[in-house]
């Protein structure tokens, strides 16, 4: 599956000041990791965002958000955000949300 190169560049730019961020092709798209933990991924025209299992219900109430499903399996602790709902402030908020969750995890 191809991914939105423009969205990937926007994410890359937003994460440029973060320490220990790397990129890896996963989920049929481009994933971004911080300290070895998966944070966010551009998949097709959407963004997969790691919010943690407890935050999924609240995240699903936001515009353009649906459960993150890969194949027949719903990804626990993740949501999929439609690219059409990702203006710059929204993208920044999603990235901040994902980073805030990931910093609670041990580095890999």
PDB file of N, CA and C in Angstrom:
ATOM      1  N   UNK A   1       0.848  -1.179   0.000  1.00  0.00           N
ATOM      2  CA  UNK A   1       0.000   0.000   0.000  1.00  0.00           C
ATOM      3  C   UNK A   1       0.895   1.244   0.000  1.00  0.00           C
ATOM      4  N   UNK A   2       0.550   2.173  -0.819  1.00  0.00           N
ATOM      5  CA  UNK A   2       1.269   3.443  -0.844  1.00  0.00           C
ATOM      6  C   UNK A   2       0.792   4.313   0.321  1.00  0.00           C
ATOM      7  N   UNK A   3       1.621   5.267   0.684  1.00  0.00           N
ATOM      8  CA  UNK A   3       1.225   6.180   1.753  1.00  0.00           C
ATOM      9  C   UNK A   3       1.384   7.610   1.267  1.00  0.00           C
ATOM     10  N   UNK A   4       0.692   8.499   1.928  1.00  0.00           N
ATOM     11  CA  UNK A   4       0.688   9.914   1.566  1.00  0.00           C
ATOM     12  C   UNK A   4       2.047  10.533   1.911  1.00  0.00           C
ATOM     13  N   UNK A   5       2.842  10.800   0.881  1.00  0.00           N
ATOM     14  CA  UNK A   5       4.184  11.362   1.075  1.00  0.00           C
ATOM     15  C   UNK A   5       4.134  12.753   1.711  1.00  0.00           C
ATOM     16  N   UNK A   6       3.123  13.526   1.367  1.00  0.00           N
ATOM     17  CA  UNK A   6       3.000  14.876   1.928  1.00  0.00           C
ATOM     18  C   UNK A   6       2.720  14.793   3.424  1.00  0.00           C
ATOM     19  N   UNK A   7       1.814  13.915   3.818  1.00  0.00           N
ATOM     20  CA  UNK A   7       1.528  13.729   5.238  1.00  0.00           C
ATOM     21  C   UNK A   7       2.770  13.213   5.967  1.00  0.00           C
ATOM     22  N   UNK A   8       3.490  12.280   5.349  1.00  0.00           N
ATOM     23  CA  UNK A   8       4.714  11.761   5.969  1.00  0.00           C
ATOM     24  C   UNK A   8       5.724  12.882   6.195  1.00  0.00           C
ATOM     25  N   UNK A   9       5.853  13.777   5.242  1.00  0.00           N
ATOM     26  CA  UNK A   9       6.786  14.896   5.388  1.00  0.00           C
ATOM     27  C   UNK A   9       6.333  15.844   6.493  1.00  0.00           C
ATOM     28  N   UNK A  10       5.018  16.060   6.604  1.00  0.00           N
ATOM     29  CA  UNK A  10       4.492  16.913   7.672  1.00  0.00           C
ATOM     30  C   UNK A  10       4.810  16.304   9.037  1.00  0.00           C
ATOM     31  N   UNK A  11       4.640  14.982   9.165  1.00  0.00           N
ATOM     32  CA  UNK A  11       4.946  14.301  10.427  1.00  0.00           C
ATOM     33  C   UNK A  11       6.441  14.398  10.700  1.00  0.00           C
ATOM     34  N   UNK A  12       7.248  14.129   9.692  1.00  0.00           N
ATOM     35  CA  UNK A  12       8.708  14.195   9.824  1.00  0.00           C
ATOM     36  C   UNK A  12       9.132  15.580  10.334  1.00  0.00           C
ATOM     37  N   UNK A  13       8.558  16.612   9.747  1.00  0.00           N
ATOM     38  CA  UNK A  13       8.889  17.978  10.155  1.00  0.00           C
ATOM     39  C   UNK A  13       8.457  18.246  11.600  1.00  0.00           C
ATOM     40  N   UNK A  14       7.257  17.774  11.954  1.00  0.00           N
ATOM     41  CA  UNK A  14       6.752  17.992  13.314  1.00  0.00           C
ATOM     42  C   UNK A  14       7.609  17.279  14.358  1.00  0.00           C
ATOM     43  N   UNK A  15       8.223  16.175  13.976  1.00  0.00           N
ATOM     44  CA  UNK A  15       9.046  15.399  14.901  1.00  0.00           C
ATOM     45  C   UNK A  15      10.531  15.770  14.839  1.00  0.00           C
ATOM     46  N   UNK A  16      10.869  16.733  14.014  1.00  0.00           N
ATOM     47  CA  UNK A  16      12.289  17.042  13.778  1.00  0.00           C
ATOM     48  C   UNK A  16      13.044  17.494  15.029  1.00  0.00           C
ATOM     49  N   UNK A  17      12.358  18.058  16.002  1.00  0.00           N
ATOM     50  CA  UNK A  17      13.030  18.511  17.223  1.00  0.00           C
ATOM     51  C   UNK A  17      13.085  17.437  18.305  1.00  0.00           C
ATOM     52  N   UNK A  18      12.435  16.320  18.068  1.00  0.00           N
ATOM     53  CA  UNK A  18      12.419  15.242  19.060  1.00  0.00           C
ATOM     54  C   UNK A  18      13.732  14.462  19.003  1.00  0.00           C
ATOM     55  N   UNK A  19      14.162  13.967  20.149  1.00  0.00           N
ATOM     56  CA  UNK A  19      15.395  13.189  20.250  1.00  0.00           C
ATOM     57  C   UNK A  19      15.084  11.722  19.979  1.00  0.00           C
ATOM     58  N   UNK A  20      15.991  11.044  19.328  1.00  0.00           N
ATOM     59  CA  UNK A  20      15.930   9.599  19.107  1.00  0.00           C
ATOM     60  C   UNK A  20      14.696   9.166  18.323  1.00  0.00           C
ATOM     61  N   UNK A  21      14.351   9.915  17.295  1.00  0.00           N
ATOM     62  CA  UNK A  21      13.245   9.533  16.411  1.00  0.00           C
ATOM     63  C   UNK A  21      13.829   8.858  15.181  1.00  0.00           C
ATOM     64  N   UNK A  22      13.221   7.747  14.804  1.00  0.00           N
ATOM     65  CA  UNK A  22      13.650   7.046  13.599  1.00  0.00           C
ATOM     66  C   UNK A  22      12.418   6.690  12.773  1.00  0.00           C
ATOM     67  N   UNK A  23      12.655   6.318  11.532  1.00  0.00           N
ATOM     68  CA  UNK A  23      11.581   5.951  10.615  1.00  0.00           C
ATOM     69  C   UNK A  23      11.771   4.509  10.179  1.00  0.00           C
ATOM     70  N   UNK A  24      10.652   3.834   9.932  1.00  0.00           N
ATOM     71  CA  UNK A  24      10.707   2.447   9.483  1.00  0.00           C
ATOM     72  C   UNK A  24       9.454   2.153   8.664  1.00  0.00           C
ATOM     73  N   UNK A  25       9.624   1.462   7.575  1.00  0.00           N
ATOM     74  CA  UNK A  25       8.465   1.062   6.775  1.00  0.00           C
ATOM     75  C   UNK A  25       7.748  -0.090   7.489  1.00  0.00           C
ATOM     76  N   UNK A  26       6.485   0.165   7.854  1.00  0.00           N
ATOM     77  CA  UNK A  26       5.639  -0.820   8.538  1.00  0.00           C
ATOM     78  C   UNK A  26       4.189  -0.486   8.237  1.00  0.00           C
ATOM     79  N   UNK A  27       3.295  -1.413   8.509  1.00  0.00           N
ATOM     80  CA  UNK A  27       1.859  -1.184   8.365  1.00  0.00           C
ATOM     81  C   UNK A  27       1.497  -0.721   6.953  1.00  0.00           C
ATOM     82  N   UNK A  28       2.273  -1.108   5.962  1.00  0.00           N
ATOM     83  CA  UNK A  28       1.993  -0.680   4.603  1.00  0.00           C
ATOM     84  C   UNK A  28       2.263   0.798   4.401  1.00  0.00           C
ATOM     85  N   UNK A  29       3.039   1.394   5.286  1.00  0.00           N
ATOM     86  CA  UNK A  29       3.313   2.814   5.200  1.00  0.00           C
ATOM     87  C   UNK A  29       4.633   3.151   5.858  1.00  0.00           C
ATOM     88  N   UNK A  30       4.703   4.325   6.437  1.00  0.00           N
ATOM     89  CA  UNK A  30       5.925   4.788   7.083  1.00  0.00           C
ATOM     90  C   UNK A  30       5.633   5.048   8.555  1.00  0.00           C
ATOM     91  N   UNK A  31       6.384   4.387   9.412  1.00  0.00           N
ATOM     92  CA  UNK A  31       6.200   4.520  10.859  1.00  0.00           C
ATOM     93  C   UNK A  31       7.313   5.358  11.463  1.00  0.00           C
ATOM     94  N   UNK A  32       6.986   6.015  12.559  1.00  0.00           N
ATOM     95  CA  UNK A  32       7.936   6.845  13.280  1.00  0.00           C
ATOM     96  C   UNK A  32       8.056   6.302  14.696  1.00  0.00           C
ATOM     97  N   UNK A  33       9.288   6.115  15.127  1.00  0.00           N
ATOM     98  CA  UNK A  33       9.571   5.553  16.446  1.00  0.00           C
ATOM     99  C   UNK A  33      10.367   6.558  17.262  1.00  0.00           C
ATOM    100  N   UNK A  34      10.135   6.557  18.560  1.00  0.00           N
ATOM    101  CA  UNK A  34      10.902   7.384  19.489  1.00  0.00           C
ATOM    102  C   UNK A  34      11.493   6.454  20.538  1.00  0.00           C
ATOM    103  N   UNK A  35      12.797   6.491  20.688  1.00  0.00           N
ATOM    104  CA  UNK A  35      13.506   5.623  21.626  1.00  0.00           C
ATOM    105  C   UNK A  35      13.144   4.157  21.399  1.00  0.00           C
ATOM    106  N   UNK A  36      12.913   3.806  20.137  1.00  0.00           N
ATOM    107  CA  UNK A  36      12.606   2.426  19.767  1.00  0.00           C
ATOM    108  C   UNK A  36      11.152   2.029  19.874  1.00  0.00           C
ATOM    109  N   UNK A  37      10.306   2.900  20.402  1.00  0.00           N
ATOM    110  CA  UNK A  37       8.874   2.599  20.533  1.00  0.00           C
ATOM    111  C   UNK A  37       8.092   3.252  19.405  1.00  0.00           C
ATOM    112  N   UNK A  38       7.195   2.492  18.834  1.00  0.00           N
ATOM    113  CA  UNK A  38       6.359   2.994  17.748  1.00  0.00           C
ATOM    114  C   UNK A  38       5.430   4.082  18.266  1.00  0.00           C
ATOM    115  N   UNK A  39       5.414   5.235  17.585  1.00  0.00           N
ATOM    116  CA  UNK A  39       4.631   6.390  18.010  1.00  0.00           C
ATOM    117  C   UNK A  39       3.436   6.602  17.098  1.00  0.00           C
ATOM    118  N   UNK A  40       3.715   6.666  15.802  1.00  0.00           N
ATOM    119  CA  UNK A  40       2.718   7.102  14.838  1.00  0.00           C
ATOM    120  C   UNK A  40       3.116   6.541  13.477  1.00  0.00           C
ATOM    121  N   UNK A  41       2.145   6.349  12.594  1.00  0.00           N
ATOM    122  CA  UNK A  41       2.456   5.836  11.261  1.00  0.00           C
ATOM    123  C   UNK A  41       1.539   6.467  10.230  1.00  0.00           C
ATOM    124  N   UNK A  42       2.091   6.732   9.073  1.00  0.00           N
ATOM    125  CA  UNK A  42       1.301   7.190   7.936  1.00  0.00           C
ATOM    126  C   UNK A  42       0.963   5.941   7.146  1.00  0.00           C
ATOM    127  N   UNK A  43      -0.326   5.667   7.007  1.00  0.00           N
ATOM    128  CA  UNK A  43      -0.807   4.475   6.321  1.00  0.00           C
ATOM    129  C   UNK A  43      -1.865   4.903   5.321  1.00  0.00           C
ATOM    130  N   UNK A  44      -1.566   4.774   4.043  1.00  0.00           N
ATOM    131  CA  UNK A  44      -2.477   5.309   3.024  1.00  0.00           C
ATOM    132  C   UNK A  44      -2.553   6.817   3.190  1.00  0.00           C
ATOM    133  N   UNK A  45      -3.766   7.334   3.261  1.00  0.00           N
ATOM    134  CA  UNK A  45      -3.971   8.769   3.480  1.00  0.00           C
ATOM    135  C   UNK A  45      -4.234   9.091   4.943  1.00  0.00           C
ATOM    136  N   UNK A  46      -4.137   8.088   5.808  1.00  0.00           N
ATOM    137  CA  UNK A  46      -4.490   8.234   7.214  1.00  0.00           C
ATOM    138  C   UNK A  46      -3.260   8.209   8.106  1.00  0.00           C
ATOM    139  N   UNK A  47      -3.531   8.509   9.368  1.00  0.00           N
ATOM    140  CA  UNK A  47      -2.497   8.473  10.388  1.00  0.00           C
ATOM    141  C   UNK A  47      -2.907   7.453  11.439  1.00  0.00           C
ATOM    142  N   UNK A  48      -2.023   6.511  11.740  1.00  0.00           N
ATOM    143  CA  UNK A  48      -2.224   5.596  12.853  1.00  0.00           C
ATOM    144  C   UNK A  48      -1.549   6.231  14.060  1.00  0.00           C
ATOM    145  N   UNK A  49      -2.309   6.394  15.127  1.00  0.00           N
ATOM    146  CA  UNK A  49      -1.808   7.117  16.292  1.00  0.00           C
ATOM    147  C   UNK A  49      -1.870   6.221  17.524  1.00  0.00           C
ATOM    148  N   UNK A  50      -0.758   6.109  18.213  1.00  0.00           N
ATOM    149  CA  UNK A  50      -0.692   5.309  19.440  1.00  0.00           C
ATOM    150  C   UNK A  50      -1.108   6.189  20.609  1.00  0.00           C
ATOM    151  N   UNK A  51      -2.260   5.881  21.174  1.00  0.00           N
ATOM    152  CA  UNK A  51      -2.785   6.699  22.273  1.00  0.00           C
ATOM    153  C   UNK A  51      -2.844   5.940  23.591  1.00  0.00           C
ATOM    154  N   UNK A  52      -2.674   4.632  23.570  1.00  0.00           N
ATOM    155  CA  UNK A  52      -2.827   3.808  24.766  1.00  0.00           C
ATOM    156  C   UNK A  52      -4.264   3.340  24.890  1.00  0.00           C
ATOM    157  N   UNK A  53      -4.448   2.164  25.421  1.00  0.00           N
ATOM    158  CA  UNK A  53      -5.780   1.545  25.483  1.00  0.00           C
ATOM    159  C   UNK A  53      -6.800   2.392  26.245  1.00  0.00           C
ATOM    160  N   UNK A  54      -6.362   3.043  27.317  1.00  0.00           N
ATOM    161  CA  UNK A  54      -7.288   3.823  28.134  1.00  0.00           C
ATOM    162  C   UNK A  54      -7.811   5.058  27.403  1.00  0.00           C
ATOM    163  N   UNK A  55      -7.047   5.583  26.464  1.00  0.00           N
ATOM    164  CA  UNK A  55      -7.419   6.817  25.767  1.00  0.00           C
ATOM    165  C   UNK A  55      -8.214   6.588  24.487  1.00  0.00           C
ATOM    166  N   UNK A  56      -8.337   5.344  24.054  1.00  0.00           N
ATOM    167  CA  UNK A  56      -9.034   5.066  22.792  1.00  0.00           C
ATOM    168  C   UNK A  56     -10.488   5.546  22.805  1.00  0.00           C
ATOM    169  N   UNK A  57     -11.292   5.266  23.830  1.00  0.00           N
ATOM    170  CA  UNK A  57     -12.693   5.715  23.791  1.00  0.00           C
ATOM    171  C   UNK A  57     -12.839   7.225  23.587  1.00  0.00           C
ATOM    172  N   UNK A  58     -12.042   8.019  24.293  1.00  0.00           N
ATOM    173  CA  UNK A  58     -12.108   9.473  24.125  1.00  0.00           C
ATOM    174  C   UNK A  58     -11.627   9.883  22.737  1.00  0.00           C
ATOM    175  N   UNK A  59     -10.582   9.250  22.259  1.00  0.00           N
ATOM    176  CA  UNK A  59     -10.054   9.581  20.935  1.00  0.00           C
ATOM    177  C   UNK A  59     -11.081   9.301  19.847  1.00  0.00           C
ATOM    178  N   UNK A  60     -11.849   8.239  20.008  1.00  0.00           N
ATOM    179  CA  UNK A  60     -12.841   7.872  18.995  1.00  0.00           C
ATOM    180  C   UNK A  60     -13.974   8.887  18.876  1.00  0.00           C
ATOM    181  N   UNK A  61     -14.106   9.767  19.846  1.00  0.00           N
ATOM    182  CA  UNK A  61     -15.138  10.803  19.792  1.00  0.00           C
ATOM    183  C   UNK A  61     -14.711  12.003  18.963  1.00  0.00           C
ATOM    184  N   UNK A  62     -13.447  12.077  18.586  1.00  0.00           N
ATOM    185  CA  UNK A  62     -12.943  13.214  17.825  1.00  0.00           C
ATOM    186  C   UNK A  62     -13.222  13.028  16.335  1.00  0.00           C
ATOM    187  N   UNK A  63     -13.257  14.141  15.625  1.00  0.00           N
ATOM    188  CA  UNK A  63     -13.589  14.153  14.197  1.00  0.00           C
ATOM    189  C   UNK A  63     -12.576  13.340  13.388  1.00  0.00           C
ATOM    190  N   UNK A  64     -13.105  12.498  12.507  1.00  0.00           N
ATOM    191  CA  UNK A  64     -12.272  11.747  11.579  1.00  0.00           C
ATOM    192  C   UNK A  64     -11.558  10.557  12.163  1.00  0.00           C
ATOM    193  N   UNK A  65     -11.940  10.133  13.372  1.00  0.00           N
ATOM    194  CA  UNK A  65     -11.222   9.048  14.062  1.00  0.00           C
ATOM    195  C   UNK A  65     -12.072   7.780  14.057  1.00  0.00           C
ATOM    196  N   UNK A  66     -11.407   6.672  13.809  1.00  0.00           N
ATOM    197  CA  UNK A  66     -12.061   5.362  13.868  1.00  0.00           C
ATOM    198  C   UNK A  66     -11.069   4.359  14.455  1.00  0.00           C
ATOM    199  N   UNK A  67     -11.537   3.182  14.831  1.00  0.00           N
ATOM    200  CA  UNK A  67     -10.601   2.181  15.370  1.00  0.00           C
ATOM    201  C   UNK A  67      -9.524   1.845  14.331  1.00  0.00           C
ATOM    202  N   UNK A  68      -8.351   1.535  14.801  1.00  0.00           N
ATOM    203  CA  UNK A  68      -7.265   1.106  13.915  1.00  0.00           C
ATOM    204  C   UNK A  68      -7.390  -0.399  13.728  1.00  0.00           C
ATOM    205  N   UNK A  69      -7.666  -0.816  12.520  1.00  0.00           N
ATOM    206  CA  UNK A  69      -7.857  -2.228  12.214  1.00  0.00           C
ATOM    207  C   UNK A  69      -6.820  -2.643  11.171  1.00  0.00           C
ATOM    208  N   UNK A  70      -6.123  -3.720  11.450  1.00  0.00           N
ATOM    209  CA  UNK A  70      -5.170  -4.313  10.504  1.00  0.00           C
ATOM    210  C   UNK A  70      -5.653  -5.726  10.216  1.00  0.00           C
ATOM    211  N   UNK A  71      -6.031  -5.955   8.979  1.00  0.00           N
ATOM    212  CA  UNK A  71      -6.604  -7.253   8.633  1.00  0.00           C
ATOM    213  C   UNK A  71      -7.925  -7.398   9.367  1.00  0.00           C
ATOM    214  N   UNK A  72      -8.054  -8.446  10.150  1.00  0.00           N
ATOM    215  CA  UNK A  72      -9.274  -8.675  10.914  1.00  0.00           C
ATOM    216  C   UNK A  72      -9.113  -8.277  12.377  1.00  0.00           C
ATOM    217  N   UNK A  73      -7.984  -7.681  12.714  1.00  0.00           N
ATOM    218  CA  UNK A  73      -7.666  -7.414  14.115  1.00  0.00           C
ATOM    219  C   UNK A  73      -7.657  -5.915  14.421  1.00  0.00           C
ATOM    220  N   UNK A  74      -8.353  -5.538  15.490  1.00  0.00           N
ATOM    221  CA  UNK A  74      -8.315  -4.160  15.967  1.00  0.00           C
ATOM    222  C   UNK A  74      -7.050  -3.994  16.805  1.00  0.00           C
ATOM    223  N   UNK A  75      -6.294  -2.953  16.504  1.00  0.00           N
ATOM    224  CA  UNK A  75      -5.027  -2.704  17.200  1.00  0.00           C
ATOM    225  C   UNK A  75      -5.322  -2.053  18.550  1.00  0.00           C
ATOM    226  N   UNK A  76      -4.966  -2.730  19.609  1.00  0.00           N
ATOM    227  CA  UNK A  76      -5.211  -2.235  20.961  1.00  0.00           C
ATOM    228  C   UNK A  76      -4.334  -1.011  21.236  1.00  0.00           C
ATOM    229  N   UNK A  77      -4.959   0.078  21.674  1.00  0.00           N
ATOM    230  CA  UNK A  77      -4.218   1.271  22.032  1.00  0.00           C
ATOM    231  C   UNK A  77      -3.935   2.208  20.865  1.00  0.00           C
ATOM    232  N   UNK A  78      -4.517   1.927  19.717  1.00  0.00           N
ATOM    233  CA  UNK A  78      -4.288   2.718  18.505  1.00  0.00           C
ATOM    234  C   UNK A  78      -5.608   3.202  17.918  1.00  0.00           C
ATOM    235  N   UNK A  79      -5.554   4.343  17.228  1.00  0.00           N
ATOM    236  CA  UNK A  79      -6.693   4.824  16.448  1.00  0.00           C
ATOM    237  C   UNK A  79      -6.187   5.226  15.064  1.00  0.00           C
ATOM    238  N   UNK A  80      -7.114   5.283  14.118  1.00  0.00           N
ATOM    239  CA  UNK A  80      -6.814   5.724  12.755  1.00  0.00           C
ATOM    240  C   UNK A  80      -7.513   7.059  12.548  1.00  0.00           C
ATOM    241  N   UNK A  81      -6.741   8.060  12.140  1.00  0.00           N
ATOM    242  CA  UNK A  81      -7.278   9.400  11.917  1.00  0.00           C
ATOM    243  C   UNK A  81      -7.256   9.681  10.420  1.00  0.00           C
ATOM    244  N   UNK A  82      -8.404  10.071   9.888  1.00  0.00           N
ATOM    245  CA  UNK A  82      -8.507  10.376   8.457  1.00  0.00           C
ATOM    246  C   UNK A  82      -7.614  11.558   8.113  1.00  0.00           C
ATOM    247  N   UNK A  83      -6.903  11.442   7.015  1.00  0.00           N
ATOM    248  CA  UNK A  83      -6.032  12.522   6.576  1.00  0.00           C
ATOM    249  C   UNK A  83      -6.776  13.827   6.380  1.00  0.00           C
ATOM    250  N   UNK A  84      -8.046  13.750   5.986  1.00  0.00           N
ATOM    251  CA  UNK A  84      -8.846  14.960   5.767  1.00  0.00           C
ATOM    252  C   UNK A  84      -9.123  15.719   7.065  1.00  0.00           C
ATOM    253  N   UNK A  85      -8.914  15.072   8.214  1.00  0.00           N
ATOM    254  CA  UNK A  85      -9.136  15.711   9.518  1.00  0.00           C
ATOM    255  C   UNK A  85      -7.839  16.234  10.123  1.00  0.00           C
ATOM    256  N   UNK A  86      -6.767  16.253   9.324  1.00  0.00           N
ATOM    257  CA  UNK A  86      -5.447  16.584   9.870  1.00  0.00           C
ATOM    258  C   UNK A  86      -4.922  17.914   9.363  1.00  0.00           C
ATOM    259  N   UNK A  87      -5.603  19.000   9.768  1.00  0.00           N
ATOM    260  CA  UNK A  87      -4.989  20.296   9.513  1.00  0.00           C
ATOM    261  C   UNK A  87      -3.777  20.393  10.445  1.00  0.00           C
ATOM    262  N   UNK A  88      -2.969  21.425  10.315  1.00  0.00           N
ATOM    263  CA  UNK A  88      -1.733  21.500  11.104  1.00  0.00           C
ATOM    264  C   UNK A  88      -1.955  21.438  12.613  1.00  0.00           C
ATOM    265  N   UNK A  89      -2.920  22.203  13.163  1.00  0.00           N
ATOM    266  CA  UNK A  89      -3.119  22.098  14.620  1.00  0.00           C
ATOM    267  C   UNK A  89      -3.556  20.692  15.055  1.00  0.00           C
ATOM    268  N   UNK A  90      -4.414  20.050  14.279  1.00  0.00           N
ATOM    269  CA  UNK A  90      -4.865  18.698  14.637  1.00  0.00           C
ATOM    270  C   UNK A  90      -3.707  17.714  14.568  1.00  0.00           C
ATOM    271  N   UNK A  91      -2.900  17.810  13.526  1.00  0.00           N
ATOM    272  CA  UNK A  91      -1.734  16.928  13.408  1.00  0.00           C
ATOM    273  C   UNK A  91      -0.805  17.113  14.599  1.00  0.00           C
ATOM    274  N   UNK A  92      -0.545  18.348  14.957  1.00  0.00           N
ATOM    275  CA  UNK A  92       0.320  18.623  16.114  1.00  0.00           C
ATOM    276  C   UNK A  92      -0.251  18.023  17.397  1.00  0.00           C
ATOM    277  N   UNK A  93      -1.568  18.129  17.583  1.00  0.00           N
ATOM    278  CA  UNK A  93      -2.201  17.566  18.796  1.00  0.00           C
ATOM    279  C   UNK A  93      -2.073  16.040  18.825  1.00  0.00           C
ATOM    280  N   UNK A  94      -2.304  15.388  17.668  1.00  0.00           N
ATOM    281  CA  UNK A  94      -2.199  13.931  17.623  1.00  0.00           C
ATOM    282  C   UNK A  94      -0.774  13.476  17.901  1.00  0.00           C
ATOM    283  N   UNK A  95       0.194  14.175  17.331  1.00  0.00           N
ATOM    284  CA  UNK A  95       1.588  13.813  17.571  1.00  0.00           C
ATOM    285  C   UNK A  95       1.930  14.010  19.048  1.00  0.00           C
ATOM    286  N   UNK A  96       1.493  15.109  19.635  1.00  0.00           N
ATOM    287  CA  UNK A  96       1.741  15.358  21.058  1.00  0.00           C
ATOM    288  C   UNK A  96       1.093  14.281  21.919  1.00  0.00           C
ATOM    289  N   UNK A  97      -0.115  13.870  21.571  1.00  0.00           N
ATOM    290  CA  UNK A  97      -0.816  12.814  22.305  1.00  0.00           C
ATOM    291  C   UNK A  97      -0.033  11.513  22.247  1.00  0.00           C
ATOM    292  N   UNK A  98       0.414  11.151  21.052  1.00  0.00           N
ATOM    293  CA  UNK A  98       1.160   9.903  20.875  1.00  0.00           C
ATOM    294  C   UNK A  98       2.482   9.952  21.631  1.00  0.00           C
ATOM    295  N   UNK A  99       3.198  11.057  21.524  1.00  0.00           N
ATOM    296  CA  UNK A  99       4.479  11.183  22.238  1.00  0.00           C
ATOM    297  C   UNK A  99       4.276  11.125  23.751  1.00  0.00           C
ATOM    298  N   UNK A 100       3.214  11.770  24.235  1.00  0.00           N
ATOM    299  CA  UNK A 100       2.944  11.760  25.672  1.00  0.00           C
ATOM    300  C   UNK A 100       2.714  10.334  26.170  1.00  0.00           C
ATOM    301  N   UNK A 101       2.059   9.515  25.367  1.00  0.00           N
ATOM    302  CA  UNK A 101       1.862   8.127  25.760  1.00  0.00           C
ATOM    303  C   UNK A 101       3.170   7.346  25.690  1.00  0.00           C
ATOM    304  N   UNK A 102       3.887   7.490  24.604  1.00  0.00           N
ATOM    305  CA  UNK A 102       5.090   6.694  24.387  1.00  0.00           C
ATOM    306  C   UNK A 102       6.174   6.976  25.427  1.00  0.00           C
ATOM    307  N   UNK A 103       6.252   8.197  25.937  1.00  0.00           N
ATOM    308  CA  UNK A 103       7.285   8.479  26.948  1.00  0.00           C
ATOM    309  C   UNK A 103       7.029   7.706  28.245  1.00  0.00           C
ATOM    310  N   UNK A 104       5.828   7.170  28.415  1.00  0.00           N
ATOM    311  CA  UNK A 104       5.545   6.363  29.607  1.00  0.00           C
ATOM    312  C   UNK A 104       6.056   4.932  29.464  1.00  0.00           C
ATOM    313  N   UNK A 105       6.495   4.559  28.268  1.00  0.00           N
ATOM    314  CA  UNK A 105       6.973   3.206  27.998  1.00  0.00           C
ATOM    315  C   UNK A 105       8.485   3.135  28.174  1.00  0.00           C
ATOM    316  N   UNK A 106       9.002   1.978  28.534  1.00  0.00           N
ATOM    317  CA  UNK A 106      10.452   1.853  28.628  1.00  0.00           C
ATOM    318  C   UNK A 106      11.080   1.927  27.230  1.00  0.00           C
ATOM    319  N   UNK A 107      12.246   2.534  27.135  1.00  0.00           N
ATOM    320  CA  UNK A 107      12.957   2.607  25.856  1.00  0.00           C
ATOM    321  C   UNK A 107      13.365   1.200  25.429  1.00  0.00           C
ATOM    322  N   UNK A 108      13.411   1.009  24.132  1.00  0.00           N
ATOM    323  CA  UNK A 108      13.837  -0.306  23.609  1.00  0.00           C
ATOM    324  C   UNK A 108      15.232  -0.217  23.054  1.00  0.00           C
TER     325      UNK A 108
END
